[in-house]
Amino acid sequence: MRFRAETIEAMRQHPLLVWMVRLWPSLLDAVHVVQPETVLRWHRAGVRAFWRWKSRNRAGIASIASNDALILPHGANLPGWGFRE
């Protein structure tokens, strides 16, 4: 109960928070106090996960050079298929 009273007291200084709590009264039940180091740890883990996903090996997508090596010789033998030298 003490935490809830402190939260309400702190929100009096922030009109936006007061407005949000009036719209969603259950918002106060969802509030948790965490250390700044915890937030930084979560952020670092999220950034690490994002870049690991972003730089993953994307098997199945051939490079442009390998596609050119396969397509260009066939195009030279089939002049009616749009290949022009």
Protein backbone atom coordinates (compact mmCIF):
# COMPACT_ATOMS: atom_id res chain seq x y z
CA MET A 1 0.00 0.00 0.00
CA ARG A 2 2.91 2.32 0.74
CA PHE A 3 4.19 1.93 -2.82
CA ARG A 4 0.78 2.78 -4.26
CA ALA A 5 0.61 5.97 -2.14
CA GLU A 6 4.11 6.97 -3.25
CA THR A 7 3.16 6.32 -6.87
CA ILE A 8 0.05 8.46 -6.62
CA GLU A 9 2.06 11.23 -4.95
CA ALA A 10 4.69 11.14 -7.70
CA MET A 11 2.03 11.20 -10.41
CA ARG A 12 0.59 14.45 -9.15
CA GLN A 13 3.65 16.09 -10.65
CA HIS A 14 2.93 14.52 -14.05
CA PRO A 15 -0.47 15.41 -15.54
CA LEU A 16 -0.04 12.91 -18.39
CA LEU A 17 0.27 10.03 -15.93
CA VAL A 18 -2.80 11.24 -14.04
CA TRP A 19 -4.77 11.31 -17.28
CA MET A 20 -3.57 7.80 -18.22
CA VAL A 21 -4.54 6.36 -14.82
CA ARG A 22 -7.98 7.92 -15.09
CA LEU A 23 -8.45 6.22 -18.47
CA TRP A 24 -6.95 2.89 -17.33
CA PRO A 25 -7.24 2.46 -13.55
CA SER A 26 -5.61 -0.96 -13.75
CA LEU A 27 -2.41 0.75 -14.88
CA LEU A 28 -1.38 1.22 -11.26
CA ASP A 29 -1.42 -2.55 -10.74
CA ALA A 30 0.99 -3.00 -13.65
CA VAL A 31 3.63 -0.61 -12.30
CA HIS A 32 6.85 -2.20 -11.08
CA VAL A 33 9.92 -0.47 -9.70
CA VAL A 34 13.17 -1.69 -11.23
CA GLN A 35 16.75 -0.57 -10.91
CA PRO A 36 18.25 1.46 -13.78
CA GLU A 37 20.86 -1.29 -14.22
CA THR A 38 18.02 -3.75 -14.88
CA VAL A 39 16.60 -1.56 -17.64
CA LEU A 40 20.06 -1.24 -19.19
CA ARG A 41 20.56 -5.01 -19.02
CA TRP A 42 17.20 -5.56 -20.76
CA HIS A 43 18.10 -3.02 -23.42
CA ARG A 44 21.52 -4.58 -24.06
CA ALA A 45 19.94 -8.02 -24.33
CA GLY A 46 17.37 -6.69 -26.80
CA VAL A 47 19.99 -4.97 -28.96
CA ARG A 48 22.13 -8.12 -28.89
CA ALA A 49 19.17 -10.28 -29.94
CA PHE A 50 18.21 -7.85 -32.71
CA TRP A 51 21.68 -7.78 -34.28
CA ARG A 52 22.07 -11.54 -33.92
CA TRP A 53 18.78 -11.92 -35.85
CA LYS A 54 19.75 -9.24 -38.36
CA SER A 55 23.12 -10.85 -39.17
CA ARG A 56 21.91 -14.46 -39.30
CA ASN A 57 22.85 -16.72 -42.17
CA ARG A 58 20.01 -16.57 -44.63
CA ALA A 59 20.32 -19.90 -46.39
CA GLY A 60 18.43 -20.37 -49.61
CA ILE A 61 19.05 -16.95 -51.10
CA ALA A 62 21.73 -17.18 -53.79
CA SER A 63 24.06 -14.30 -54.44
CA ILE A 64 23.69 -12.24 -57.61
CA ALA A 65 27.08 -13.38 -58.94
CA SER A 66 26.10 -17.06 -58.79
CA ASN A 67 22.79 -16.30 -60.53
CA ASP A 68 24.61 -14.46 -63.31
CA ALA A 69 26.99 -17.38 -63.77
CA LEU A 70 24.02 -19.70 -64.29
CA ILE A 71 21.80 -17.47 -66.43
CA LEU A 72 24.14 -15.66 -68.82
CA PRO A 73 25.52 -18.72 -70.68
CA HIS A 74 21.98 -19.96 -71.36
CA GLY A 75 20.90 -16.58 -72.62
CA ALA A 76 23.64 -16.57 -75.25
CA ASN A 77 22.30 -19.83 -76.67
CA LEU A 78 18.67 -18.65 -76.76
CA PRO A 79 18.55 -15.39 -78.72
CA GLY A 80 14.76 -15.19 -78.72
CA TRP A 81 14.60 -14.99 -74.92
CA GLY A 82 15.62 -11.37 -74.57
CA PHE A 83 19.34 -11.73 -74.07
CA ARG A 84 21.33 -9.18 -76.08
CA GLU A 85 25.07 -8.92 -76.20
